PDB file of N, CA and C in Angstrom:
ATOM      1  N   MET A   1       1.301 -35.456 -16.173  1.00  0.00           N
ATOM      2  CA  MET A   1       1.426 -34.066 -16.483  1.00  0.00           C
ATOM      3  C   MET A   1       2.708 -33.664 -15.835  1.00  0.00           C
ATOM      4  N   LEU A   2       2.983 -33.869 -14.626  1.00  0.00           N
ATOM      5  CA  LEU A   2       4.170 -33.505 -13.937  1.00  0.00           C
ATOM      6  C   LEU A   2       5.460 -34.226 -14.291  1.00  0.00           C
ATOM      7  N   SER A   3       5.221 -35.373 -14.868  1.00  0.00           N
ATOM      8  CA  SER A   3       6.377 -36.180 -15.179  1.00  0.00           C
ATOM      9  C   SER A   3       7.150 -35.643 -16.459  1.00  0.00           C
ATOM     10  N   ASN A   4       6.451 -34.769 -17.212  1.00  0.00           N
ATOM     11  CA  ASN A   4       7.012 -34.248 -18.469  1.00  0.00           C
ATOM     12  C   ASN A   4       7.960 -32.985 -18.065  1.00  0.00           C
ATOM     13  N   LEU A   5       7.754 -32.451 -16.915  1.00  0.00           N
ATOM     14  CA  LEU A   5       8.443 -31.366 -16.530  1.00  0.00           C
ATOM     15  C   LEU A   5       9.866 -31.722 -16.039  1.00  0.00           C
ATOM     16  N   SER A   6      10.929 -30.765 -16.197  1.00  0.00           N
ATOM     17  CA  SER A   6      12.242 -30.985 -15.700  1.00  0.00           C
ATOM     18  C   SER A   6      12.325 -30.743 -14.266  1.00  0.00           C
ATOM     19  N   ILE A   7      13.358 -31.358 -13.535  1.00  0.00           N
ATOM     20  CA  ILE A   7      13.404 -31.214 -12.262  1.00  0.00           C
ATOM     21  C   ILE A   7      13.561 -29.648 -11.880  1.00  0.00           C
ATOM     22  N   GLY A   8      14.233 -28.902 -12.506  1.00  0.00           N
ATOM     23  CA  GLY A   8      14.478 -27.458 -12.350  1.00  0.00           C
ATOM     24  C   GLY A   8      13.058 -26.719 -12.308  1.00  0.00           C
ATOM     25  N   THR A   9      12.275 -27.154 -13.310  1.00  0.00           N
ATOM     26  CA  THR A   9      10.933 -26.562 -13.408  1.00  0.00           C
ATOM     27  C   THR A   9       9.956 -26.823 -12.106  1.00  0.00           C
ATOM     28  N   LYS A  10      10.117 -28.136 -11.731  1.00  0.00           N
ATOM     29  CA  LYS A  10       9.438 -28.516 -10.587  1.00  0.00           C
ATOM     30  C   LYS A  10       9.929 -27.775  -9.348  1.00  0.00           C
ATOM     31  N   ILE A  11      11.175 -27.621  -9.156  1.00  0.00           N
ATOM     32  CA  ILE A  11      11.708 -26.871  -8.080  1.00  0.00           C
ATOM     33  C   ILE A  11      11.402 -25.495  -8.053  1.00  0.00           C
ATOM     34  N   GLY A  12      11.483 -24.867  -9.246  1.00  0.00           N
ATOM     35  CA  GLY A  12      10.943 -23.388  -9.459  1.00  0.00           C
ATOM     36  C   GLY A  12       9.492 -23.275  -9.112  1.00  0.00           C
ATOM     37  N   ALA A  13       8.649 -24.084  -9.649  1.00  0.00           N
ATOM     38  CA  ALA A  13       7.252 -23.965  -9.427  1.00  0.00           C
ATOM     39  C   ALA A  13       6.962 -24.109  -7.916  1.00  0.00           C
ATOM     40  N   SER A  14       7.626 -25.144  -7.127  1.00  0.00           N
ATOM     41  CA  SER A  14       7.398 -25.315  -5.786  1.00  0.00           C
ATOM     42  C   SER A  14       7.826 -24.148  -5.077  1.00  0.00           C
ATOM     43  N   PHE A  15       8.966 -23.541  -5.354  1.00  0.00           N
ATOM     44  CA  PHE A  15       9.432 -22.322  -4.713  1.00  0.00           C
ATOM     45  C   PHE A  15       8.482 -21.112  -5.013  1.00  0.00           C
ATOM     46  N   ALA A  16       7.902 -20.968  -6.224  1.00  0.00           N
ATOM     47  CA  ALA A  16       7.017 -20.032  -6.396  1.00  0.00           C
ATOM     48  C   ALA A  16       5.644 -20.186  -5.630  1.00  0.00           C
ATOM     49  N   LEU A  17       5.195 -21.337  -5.577  1.00  0.00           N
ATOM     50  CA  LEU A  17       4.067 -21.711  -4.809  1.00  0.00           C
ATOM     51  C   LEU A  17       4.189 -21.486  -3.249  1.00  0.00           C
ATOM     52  N   ALA A  18       5.329 -21.741  -2.806  1.00  0.00           N
ATOM     53  CA  ALA A  18       5.764 -21.510  -1.317  1.00  0.00           C
ATOM     54  C   ALA A  18       5.743 -19.961  -1.042  1.00  0.00           C
ATOM     55  N   LEU A  19       6.411 -19.380  -1.935  1.00  0.00           N
ATOM     56  CA  LEU A  19       6.536 -17.933  -1.828  1.00  0.00           C
ATOM     57  C   LEU A  19       5.254 -17.260  -1.761  1.00  0.00           C
ATOM     58  N   THR A  20       4.361 -17.593  -2.781  1.00  0.00           N
ATOM     59  CA  THR A  20       3.052 -17.025  -2.846  1.00  0.00           C
ATOM     60  C   THR A  20       2.297 -17.387  -1.572  1.00  0.00           C
ATOM     61  N   MET A  21       2.333 -18.633  -1.064  1.00  0.00           N
ATOM     62  CA  MET A  21       1.532 -18.864   0.107  1.00  0.00           C
ATOM     63  C   MET A  21       2.186 -18.037   1.409  1.00  0.00           C
ATOM     64  N   LEU A  22       3.392 -17.997   1.460  1.00  0.00           N
ATOM     65  CA  LEU A  22       3.924 -17.146   2.516  1.00  0.00           C
ATOM     66  C   LEU A  22       3.570 -15.708   2.482  1.00  0.00           C
ATOM     67  N   SER A  23       3.600 -15.183   1.201  1.00  0.00           N
ATOM     68  CA  SER A  23       3.215 -13.873   1.071  1.00  0.00           C
ATOM     69  C   SER A  23       1.764 -13.530   1.479  1.00  0.00           C
ATOM     70  N   THR A  24       0.966 -14.524   1.143  1.00  0.00           N
ATOM     71  CA  THR A  24      -0.492 -14.448   1.353  1.00  0.00           C
ATOM     72  C   THR A  24      -0.730 -14.439   2.918  1.00  0.00           C
ATOM     73  N   ILE A  25       0.030 -15.386   3.580  1.00  0.00           N
ATOM     74  CA  ILE A  25      -0.097 -15.465   5.167  1.00  0.00           C
ATOM     75  C   ILE A  25       0.360 -14.251   5.750  1.00  0.00           C
ATOM     76  N   GLY A  26       1.466 -13.758   5.288  1.00  0.00           N
ATOM     77  CA  GLY A  26       2.059 -12.513   5.742  1.00  0.00           C
ATOM     78  C   GLY A  26       1.135 -11.319   5.659  1.00  0.00           C
ATOM     79  N   LEU A  27       0.577 -11.096   4.557  1.00  0.00           N
ATOM     80  CA  LEU A  27      -0.276 -10.066   4.276  1.00  0.00           C
ATOM     81  C   LEU A  27      -1.682 -10.171   5.182  1.00  0.00           C
ATOM     82  N   ILE A  28      -2.140 -11.303   5.385  1.00  0.00           N
ATOM     83  CA  ILE A  28      -3.272 -11.533   6.296  1.00  0.00           C
ATOM     84  C   ILE A  28      -2.736 -11.207   7.692  1.00  0.00           C
ATOM     85  N   SER A  29      -1.650 -11.743   8.087  1.00  0.00           N
ATOM     86  CA  SER A  29      -1.213 -11.350   9.461  1.00  0.00           C
ATOM     87  C   SER A  29      -1.022  -9.974   9.779  1.00  0.00           C
ATOM     88  N   TYR A  30      -0.507  -9.337   8.761  1.00  0.00           N
ATOM     89  CA  TYR A  30      -0.288  -7.915   8.810  1.00  0.00           C
ATOM     90  C   TYR A  30      -1.610  -7.067   9.075  1.00  0.00           C
ATOM     91  N   ARG A  31      -2.590  -7.443   8.289  1.00  0.00           N
ATOM     92  CA  ARG A  31      -3.875  -6.809   8.227  1.00  0.00           C
ATOM     93  C   ARG A  31      -4.490  -6.988   9.655  1.00  0.00           C
ATOM     94  N   HIS A  32      -4.445  -8.267  10.103  1.00  0.00           N
ATOM     95  CA  HIS A  32      -5.009  -8.473  11.470  1.00  0.00           C
ATOM     96  C   HIS A  32      -4.365  -7.865  12.586  1.00  0.00           C
ATOM     97  N   ALA A  33      -2.965  -7.824  12.457  1.00  0.00           N
ATOM     98  CA  ALA A  33      -2.253  -7.089  13.599  1.00  0.00           C
ATOM     99  C   ALA A  33      -2.638  -5.542  13.566  1.00  0.00           C
ATOM    100  N   THR A  34      -2.664  -4.935  12.393  1.00  0.00           N
ATOM    101  CA  THR A  34      -3.007  -3.675  12.236  1.00  0.00           C
ATOM    102  C   THR A  34      -4.443  -3.327  12.818  1.00  0.00           C
ATOM    103  N   GLN A  35      -5.355  -4.266  12.468  1.00  0.00           N
ATOM    104  CA  GLN A  35      -6.732  -4.053  13.037  1.00  0.00           C
ATOM    105  C   GLN A  35      -6.668  -4.193  14.600  1.00  0.00           C
ATOM    106  N   LEU A  36      -5.893  -5.085  15.033  1.00  0.00           N
ATOM    107  CA  LEU A  36      -5.785  -5.354  16.526  1.00  0.00           C
ATOM    108  C   LEU A  36      -5.383  -4.088  17.253  1.00  0.00           C
ATOM    109  N   ILE A  37      -4.220  -3.494  16.683  1.00  0.00           N
ATOM    110  CA  ILE A  37      -3.734  -2.319  17.220  1.00  0.00           C
ATOM    111  C   ILE A  37      -4.655  -1.266  17.235  1.00  0.00           C
ATOM    112  N   TYR A  38      -5.399  -1.005  16.045  1.00  0.00           N
ATOM    113  CA  TYR A  38      -6.382   0.103  16.003  1.00  0.00           C
ATOM    114  C   TYR A  38      -7.487  -0.172  17.038  1.00  0.00           C
ATOM    115  N   THR A  39      -7.935  -1.429  17.279  1.00  0.00           N
ATOM    116  CA  THR A  39      -9.034  -1.706  18.194  1.00  0.00           C
ATOM    117  C   THR A  39      -8.561  -1.449  19.513  1.00  0.00           C
ATOM    118  N   ALA A  40      -7.378  -1.811  19.879  1.00  0.00           N
ATOM    119  CA  ALA A  40      -6.785  -1.603  21.266  1.00  0.00           C
ATOM    120  C   ALA A  40      -6.687  -0.082  21.501  1.00  0.00           C
ATOM    121  N   GLU A  41      -6.345   0.725  20.539  1.00  0.00           N
ATOM    122  CA  GLU A  41      -6.204   2.189  20.804  1.00  0.00           C
ATOM    123  C   GLU A  41      -7.556   2.718  20.905  1.00  0.00           C
ATOM    124  N   GLU A  42      -8.498   2.277  20.247  1.00  0.00           N
ATOM    125  CA  GLU A  42      -9.916   2.796  20.414  1.00  0.00           C
ATOM    126  C   GLU A  42     -10.519   2.481  21.846  1.00  0.00           C
ATOM    127  N   SER A  43     -10.166   1.207  22.222  1.00  0.00           N
ATOM    128  CA  SER A  43     -10.608   0.792  23.567  1.00  0.00           C
ATOM    129  C   SER A  43      -9.892   1.635  24.696  1.00  0.00           C
ATOM    130  N   ARG A  44      -8.644   1.989  24.496  1.00  0.00           N
ATOM    131  CA  ARG A  44      -7.970   2.818  25.477  1.00  0.00           C
ATOM    132  C   ARG A  44      -8.555   4.173  25.474  1.00  0.00           C
ATOM    133  N   ILE A  45      -8.911   4.755  24.390  1.00  0.00           N
ATOM    134  CA  ILE A  45      -9.450   6.098  24.253  1.00  0.00           C
ATOM    135  C   ILE A  45     -10.775   6.112  25.000  1.00  0.00           C
ATOM    136  N   LYS A  46     -11.605   5.084  24.666  1.00  0.00           N
ATOM    137  CA  LYS A  46     -12.996   4.990  25.324  1.00  0.00           C
ATOM    138  C   LYS A  46     -12.833   4.892  26.831  1.00  0.00           C
ATOM    139  N   LEU A  47     -11.828   3.978  27.188  1.00  0.00           N
ATOM    140  CA  LEU A  47     -11.572   3.805  28.664  1.00  0.00           C
ATOM    141  C   LEU A  47     -11.225   5.075  29.386  1.00  0.00           C
ATOM    142  N   SER A  48     -10.293   5.914  28.744  1.00  0.00           N
ATOM    143  CA  SER A  48      -9.984   7.017  29.262  1.00  0.00           C
ATOM    144  C   SER A  48     -11.143   8.094  29.398  1.00  0.00           C
ATOM    145  N   HIS A  49     -11.999   8.117  28.441  1.00  0.00           N
ATOM    146  CA  HIS A  49     -13.135   9.000  28.538  1.00  0.00           C
ATOM    147  C   HIS A  49     -14.104   8.449  29.686  1.00  0.00           C
ATOM    148  N   GLN A  50     -14.355   7.203  29.752  1.00  0.00           N
ATOM    149  CA  GLN A  50     -15.033   6.637  30.798  1.00  0.00           C
ATOM    150  C   GLN A  50     -14.469   6.821  32.248  1.00  0.00           C
ATOM    151  N   GLU A  51     -13.131   6.776  32.282  1.00  0.00           N
ATOM    152  CA  GLU A  51     -12.488   6.904  33.603  1.00  0.00           C
ATOM    153  C   GLU A  51     -12.629   8.504  33.969  1.00  0.00           C
ATOM    154  N   ARG A  52     -12.518   9.317  32.933  1.00  0.00           N
ATOM    155  CA  ARG A  52     -12.669  10.836  33.385  1.00  0.00           C
ATOM    156  C   ARG A  52     -14.069  11.062  33.798  1.00  0.00           C
ATOM    157  N   TYR A  53     -15.081  10.438  33.047  1.00  0.00           N
ATOM    158  CA  TYR A  53     -16.478  10.601  33.478  1.00  0.00           C
ATOM    159  C   TYR A  53     -16.699  10.227  34.885  1.00  0.00           C
ATOM    160  N   TYR A  54     -16.245   8.889  35.264  1.00  0.00           N
ATOM    161  CA  TYR A  54     -16.443   8.515  36.495  1.00  0.00           C
ATOM    162  C   TYR A  54     -15.631   9.181  37.631  1.00  0.00           C
ATOM    163  N   ARG A  55     -14.570   9.663  37.284  1.00  0.00           N
ATOM    164  CA  ARG A  55     -13.883  10.655  38.399  1.00  0.00           C
ATOM    165  C   ARG A  55     -14.557  11.787  38.549  1.00  0.00           C
ATOM    166  N   GLN A  56     -15.149  12.330  37.453  1.00  0.00           N
ATOM    167  CA  GLN A  56     -16.072  13.662  37.650  1.00  0.00           C
ATOM    168  C   GLN A  56     -17.291  13.254  38.445  1.00  0.00           C
ATOM    169  N   LEU A  57     -17.826  12.033  38.295  1.00  0.00           N
ATOM    170  CA  LEU A  57     -19.075  11.654  38.935  1.00  0.00           C
ATOM    171  C   LEU A  57     -18.709  11.459  40.414  1.00  0.00           C
ATOM    172  N   ALA A  58     -17.549  10.909  40.581  1.00  0.00           N
ATOM    173  CA  ALA A  58     -17.051  10.575  41.979  1.00  0.00           C
ATOM    174  C   ALA A  58     -16.879  11.910  42.727  1.00  0.00           C
ATOM    175  N   GLY A  59     -16.299  12.846  42.108  1.00  0.00           N
ATOM    176  CA  GLY A  59     -16.024  14.274  42.634  1.00  0.00           C
ATOM    177  C   GLY A  59     -17.401  14.965  42.954  1.00  0.00           C
ATOM    178  N   ARG A  60     -18.285  14.866  42.278  1.00  0.00           N
ATOM    179  CA  ARG A  60     -19.658  15.479  42.465  1.00  0.00           C
ATOM    180  C   ARG A  60     -20.273  14.799  43.718  1.00  0.00           C
ATOM    181  N   GLU A  61     -20.087  13.565  43.744  1.00  0.00           N
ATOM    182  CA  GLU A  61     -20.721  12.813  44.945  1.00  0.00           C
ATOM    183  C   GLU A  61     -20.012  13.261  46.244  1.00  0.00           C
ATOM    184  N   GLN A  62     -18.704  13.478  46.220  1.00  0.00           N
ATOM    185  CA  GLN A  62     -17.976  13.843  47.381  1.00  0.00           C
ATOM    186  C   GLN A  62     -18.435  15.333  47.669  1.00  0.00           C
ATOM    187  N   LEU A  63     -18.649  16.152  46.661  1.00  0.00           N
ATOM    188  CA  LEU A  63     -18.982  17.507  47.009  1.00  0.00           C
ATOM    189  C   LEU A  63     -20.431  17.432  47.632  1.00  0.00           C
ATOM    190  N   TYR A  64     -21.443  16.628  46.977  1.00  0.00           N
ATOM    191  CA  TYR A  64     -22.630  16.436  47.645  1.00  0.00           C
ATOM    192  C   TYR A  64     -22.628  15.929  49.104  1.00  0.00           C
ATOM    193  N   GLN A  65     -21.751  15.062  49.251  1.00  0.00           N
ATOM    194  CA  GLN A  65     -21.733  14.382  50.719  1.00  0.00           C
ATOM    195  C   GLN A  65     -21.112  15.589  51.650  1.00  0.00           C
ATOM    196  N   LYS A  66     -20.216  16.282  51.205  1.00  0.00           N
ATOM    197  CA  LYS A  66     -19.710  17.412  52.030  1.00  0.00           C
ATOM    198  C   LYS A  66     -20.647  18.404  52.362  1.00  0.00           C
ATOM    199  N   ASN A  67     -21.445  18.692  51.374  1.00  0.00           N
ATOM    200  CA  ASN A  67     -22.574  19.771  51.626  1.00  0.00           C
ATOM    201  C   ASN A  67     -23.839  19.369  52.472  1.00  0.00           C
ATOM    202  N   SER A  68     -23.953  17.953  52.459  1.00  0.00           N
ATOM    203  CA  SER A  68     -25.117  17.506  53.317  1.00  0.00           C
ATOM    204  C   SER A  68     -24.925  17.419  54.757  1.00  0.00           C
TER     205      SER A  68
END
Protein backbone atom coordinates (compact mmCIF):
# COMPACT_ATOMS: atom_id res chain seq x y z
CA MET A 1 0.00 0.00 0.00
CA LEU A 2 2.67 2.53 1.01
CA SER A 3 4.98 1.44 -1.79
CA ASN A 4 2.58 2.95 -4.37
CA LEU A 5 2.87 6.45 -2.82
CA SER A 6 5.50 8.92 -3.90
CA ILE A 7 8.18 10.08 -1.46
CA GLY A 8 6.61 13.55 -1.28
CA THR A 9 3.25 12.08 -0.29
CA LYS A 10 4.89 9.93 2.39
CA ILE A 11 6.76 12.94 3.81
CA GLY A 12 3.59 15.05 3.73
CA ALA A 13 1.56 12.33 5.46
CA SER A 14 4.28 11.90 8.11
CA PHE A 15 4.37 15.65 8.71
CA ALA A 16 0.56 15.80 9.01
CA LEU A 17 0.58 12.88 11.47
CA ALA A 18 3.32 14.48 13.57
CA LEU A 19 1.51 17.82 13.57
CA THR A 20 -1.75 16.16 14.63
CA MET A 21 -0.04 14.29 17.45
CA LEU A 22 1.75 17.41 18.67
CA SER A 23 -1.45 19.44 18.55
CA THR A 24 -3.29 16.79 20.55
CA ILE A 25 -0.56 16.63 23.19
CA GLY A 26 -0.46 20.43 23.39
CA LEU A 27 -4.23 20.67 23.84
CA ILE A 28 -4.24 18.02 26.56
CA SER A 29 -1.32 19.72 28.34
CA TYR A 30 -3.04 23.09 28.17
CA ARG A 31 -6.27 21.72 29.64
CA HIS A 32 -4.44 20.00 32.49
CA ALA A 33 -2.37 23.10 33.26
CA THR A 34 -5.52 25.23 33.32
CA GLN A 35 -7.20 22.75 35.68
CA LEU A 36 -4.12 22.73 37.91
CA ILE A 37 -4.11 26.53 38.15
CA TYR A 38 -7.84 26.58 38.95
CA THR A 39 -7.40 23.93 41.67
CA ALA A 40 -4.45 25.79 43.18
CA GLU A 41 -6.45 29.04 43.31
CA GLU A 42 -9.38 27.28 44.98
CA SER A 43 -7.04 25.70 47.53
CA ARG A 44 -5.51 29.09 48.27
CA ILE A 45 -8.96 30.64 48.76
CA LYS A 46 -10.04 27.80 51.05
CA LEU A 47 -6.80 28.11 53.00
CA SER A 48 -7.29 31.83 53.49
CA HIS A 49 -10.82 31.21 54.81
CA GLN A 50 -9.49 28.55 57.17
CA GLU A 51 -6.65 30.79 58.25
CA ARG A 52 -9.07 33.63 59.00
CA TYR A 53 -11.29 31.25 60.98
CA TYR A 54 -8.37 29.94 63.03
CA ARG A 55 -7.14 33.46 63.73
CA GLN A 56 -10.59 34.45 64.94
CA LEU A 57 -10.74 31.31 67.06
CA ALA A 58 -7.30 32.02 68.52
CA GLY A 59 -8.37 35.60 69.28
CA ARG A 60 -11.44 34.37 71.13
CA GLU A 61 -9.35 31.94 73.15
CA GLN A 62 -6.98 34.76 74.10
CA LEU A 63 -9.94 36.91 75.17
CA TYR A 64 -11.33 34.00 77.20
CA GLN A 65 -7.98 33.44 78.90
CA LYS A 66 -7.62 37.15 79.75
CA ASN A 67 -11.11 37.28 81.29
CA SER A 68 -10.55 34.15 83.40
